[in-house]
C-alpha atoms as a PDB file:
ATOM      1  CA  MET A   1      -3.043  -8.341  -1.554  1.00  0.00           C
ATOM      2  CA  ARG A   2      -4.433 -11.840  -2.009  1.00  0.00           C
ATOM      3  CA  ALA A   3      -5.476 -14.104   0.851  1.00  0.00           C
ATOM      4  CA  ASP A   4      -2.658 -16.605   0.151  1.00  0.00           C
ATOM      5  CA  VAL A   5      -0.125 -13.838   0.760  1.00  0.00           C
ATOM      6  CA  LEU A   6      -1.779 -12.973   4.045  1.00  0.00           C
ATOM      7  CA  SER A   7      -1.609 -16.624   5.135  1.00  0.00           C
ATOM      8  CA  GLY A   8       2.003 -16.183   6.213  1.00  0.00           C
ATOM      9  CA  ASP A   9       3.788 -17.345   3.080  1.00  0.00           C
ATOM     10  CA  TYR A  10       6.569 -14.769   3.065  1.00  0.00           C
ATOM     11  CA  LEU A  11       8.174 -16.552   0.110  1.00  0.00           C
ATOM     12  CA  HIS A  12       5.156 -15.855  -2.109  1.00  0.00           C
ATOM     13  CA  ALA A  13       6.151 -13.531  -4.976  1.00  0.00           C
ATOM     14  CA  ALA A  14       3.676 -10.823  -3.927  1.00  0.00           C
ATOM     15  CA  ALA A  15       4.850 -10.969  -0.313  1.00  0.00           C
ATOM     16  CA  ARG A  16       8.511 -10.789  -1.380  1.00  0.00           C
ATOM     17  CA  ALA A  17       7.734  -7.771  -3.576  1.00  0.00           C
ATOM     18  CA  ALA A  18       6.011  -6.010  -0.675  1.00  0.00           C
ATOM     19  CA  ILE A  19       8.918  -6.801   1.657  1.00  0.00           C
ATOM     20  CA  ASP A  20      11.389  -5.532  -0.941  1.00  0.00           C
ATOM     21  CA  ARG A  21       9.451  -2.248  -1.169  1.00  0.00           C
ATOM     22  CA  MET A  22       9.605  -1.935   2.620  1.00  0.00           C
ATOM     23  CA  LEU A  23      13.336  -2.665   2.616  1.00  0.00           C
ATOM     24  CA  ALA A  24      13.926  -0.071  -0.121  1.00  0.00           C
ATOM     25  CA  ALA A  25      11.952   2.556   1.807  1.00  0.00           C
ATOM     26  CA  ALA A  26      13.878   1.778   4.980  1.00  0.00           C
ATOM     27  CA  ARG A  27      17.205   1.990   3.141  1.00  0.00           C
ATOM     28  CA  ALA A  28      16.209   5.315   1.515  1.00  0.00           C
ATOM     29  CA  ASN A  29      15.378   6.743   4.935  1.00  0.00           C
ATOM     30  CA  ARG A  30      18.350   5.184   6.729  1.00  0.00           C
ATOM     31  CA  VAL A  31      16.116   3.074   8.962  1.00  0.00           C
ATOM     32  CA  PRO A  32      17.617  -0.237  10.113  1.00  0.00           C
ATOM     33  CA  VAL A  33      15.592  -3.353   9.417  1.00  0.00           C
ATOM     34  CA  MET A  34      15.586  -6.459  11.605  1.00  0.00           C
ATOM     35  CA  ASP A  35      14.462  -9.714  10.001  1.00  0.00           C
ATOM     36  CA  PRO A  36      13.937 -13.211  11.377  1.00  0.00           C
ATOM     37  CA  VAL A  37      16.106 -16.248  10.734  1.00  0.00           C
ATOM     38  CA  PHE A  38      14.300 -19.338  12.045  1.00  0.00           C
ATOM     39  CA  ASN A  39      15.540 -22.670  10.785  1.00  0.00           C
ATOM     40  CA  PRO A  40      17.030 -25.653  12.656  1.00  0.00           C
ATOM     41  CA  ASP A  41      19.338 -26.417   9.708  1.00  0.00           C
ATOM     42  CA  PRO A  42      22.442 -24.190  10.002  1.00  0.00           C
ATOM     43  CA  VAL A  43      23.015 -24.246   6.236  1.00  0.00           C
ATOM     44  CA  GLU A  44      19.454 -23.093   5.521  1.00  0.00           C
ATOM     45  CA  ALA A  45      19.675 -20.501   8.304  1.00  0.00           C
ATOM     46  CA  GLY A  46      22.834 -19.157   6.670  1.00  0.00           C
ATOM     47  CA  ARG A  47      21.087 -19.056   3.296  1.00  0.00           C
ATOM     48  CA  GLN A  48      18.186 -17.125   4.821  1.00  0.00           C
ATOM     49  CA  ARG A  49      20.601 -14.679   6.455  1.00  0.00           C
ATOM     50  CA  ASN A  50      22.453 -14.133   3.186  1.00  0.00           C
ATOM     51  CA  ASP A  51      19.165 -13.593   1.327  1.00  0.00           C
ATOM     52  CA  TRP A  52      18.028 -10.983   3.873  1.00  0.00           C
ATOM     53  CA  LEU A  53      21.433  -9.251   3.734  1.00  0.00           C
ATOM     54  CA  ALA A  54      21.314  -9.104  -0.066  1.00  0.00           C
ATOM     55  CA  ARG A  55      17.825  -7.614   0.120  1.00  0.00           C
ATOM     56  CA  GLY A  56      18.859  -4.905   2.611  1.00  0.00           C
ATOM     57  CA  ALA A  57      18.335  -6.187   6.136  1.00  0.00           C
ATOM     58  CA  THR A  58      20.791  -4.859   8.703  1.00  0.00           C
ATOM     59  CA  MET A  59      19.985  -6.913  11.836  1.00  0.00           C
ATOM     60  CA  PHE A  60      18.581 -10.350  12.574  1.00  0.00           C
ATOM     61  CA  VAL A  61      16.473 -12.121  15.160  1.00  0.00           C
ATOM     62  CA  VAL A  62      17.612 -15.705  15.522  1.00  0.00           C
ATOM     63  CA  GLY A  63      15.182 -17.910  17.424  1.00  0.00           C
ATOM     64  CA  THR A  64      17.729 -20.455  18.545  1.00  0.00           C
ATOM     65  CA  ASP A  65      15.910 -21.429  21.726  1.00  0.00           C
ATOM     66  CA  LYS A  66      12.712 -22.220  19.829  1.00  0.00           C
ATOM     67  CA  ILE A  67      14.645 -23.898  17.032  1.00  0.00           C
ATOM     68  CA  ILE A  68      16.581 -26.166  19.400  1.00  0.00           C
ATOM     69  CA  VAL A  69      13.507 -27.185  21.393  1.00  0.00           C
ATOM     70  CA  ALA A  70      11.351 -27.741  18.283  1.00  0.00           C
ATOM     71  CA  ASP A  71      14.078 -29.795  16.601  1.00  0.00           C
ATOM     72  CA  ALA A  72      14.652 -31.933  19.695  1.00  0.00           C
ATOM     73  CA  VAL A  73      10.920 -32.561  20.183  1.00  0.00           C
ATOM     74  CA  SER A  74      10.512 -33.462  16.518  1.00  0.00           C
ATOM     75  CA  ARG A  75      13.385 -35.960  16.617  1.00  0.00           C
ATOM     76  CA  TYR A  76      12.120 -37.441  19.896  1.00  0.00           C
ATOM     77  CA  ALA A  77       8.584 -37.804  18.544  1.00  0.00           C
ATOM     78  CA  SER A  78       9.901 -39.442  15.366  1.00  0.00           C
ATOM     79  CA  ALA A  79      11.884 -41.937  17.433  1.00  0.00           C
ATOM     80  CA  LEU A  80       8.736 -42.909  19.347  1.00  0.00           C
ATOM     81  CA  ARG A  81       6.693 -43.627  16.229  1.00  0.00           C
END
């Protein structure tokens, strides 16, 4: 796998292909898969959830506490600029 894939870009085509292989293996072996949904925008969070569901995820981790704090700090910092 290339370094850009290992940098954390889970939307990179090679990373998505690797994740899809993992999801297929989990599905074939009846292993549940939990994936993250981290986005302060509810519409984008819903899109991410739907994408994971379509790809085979069965459970989700939603980082609402981190999302709410990060969003509030970002808006506050922007207001102070």
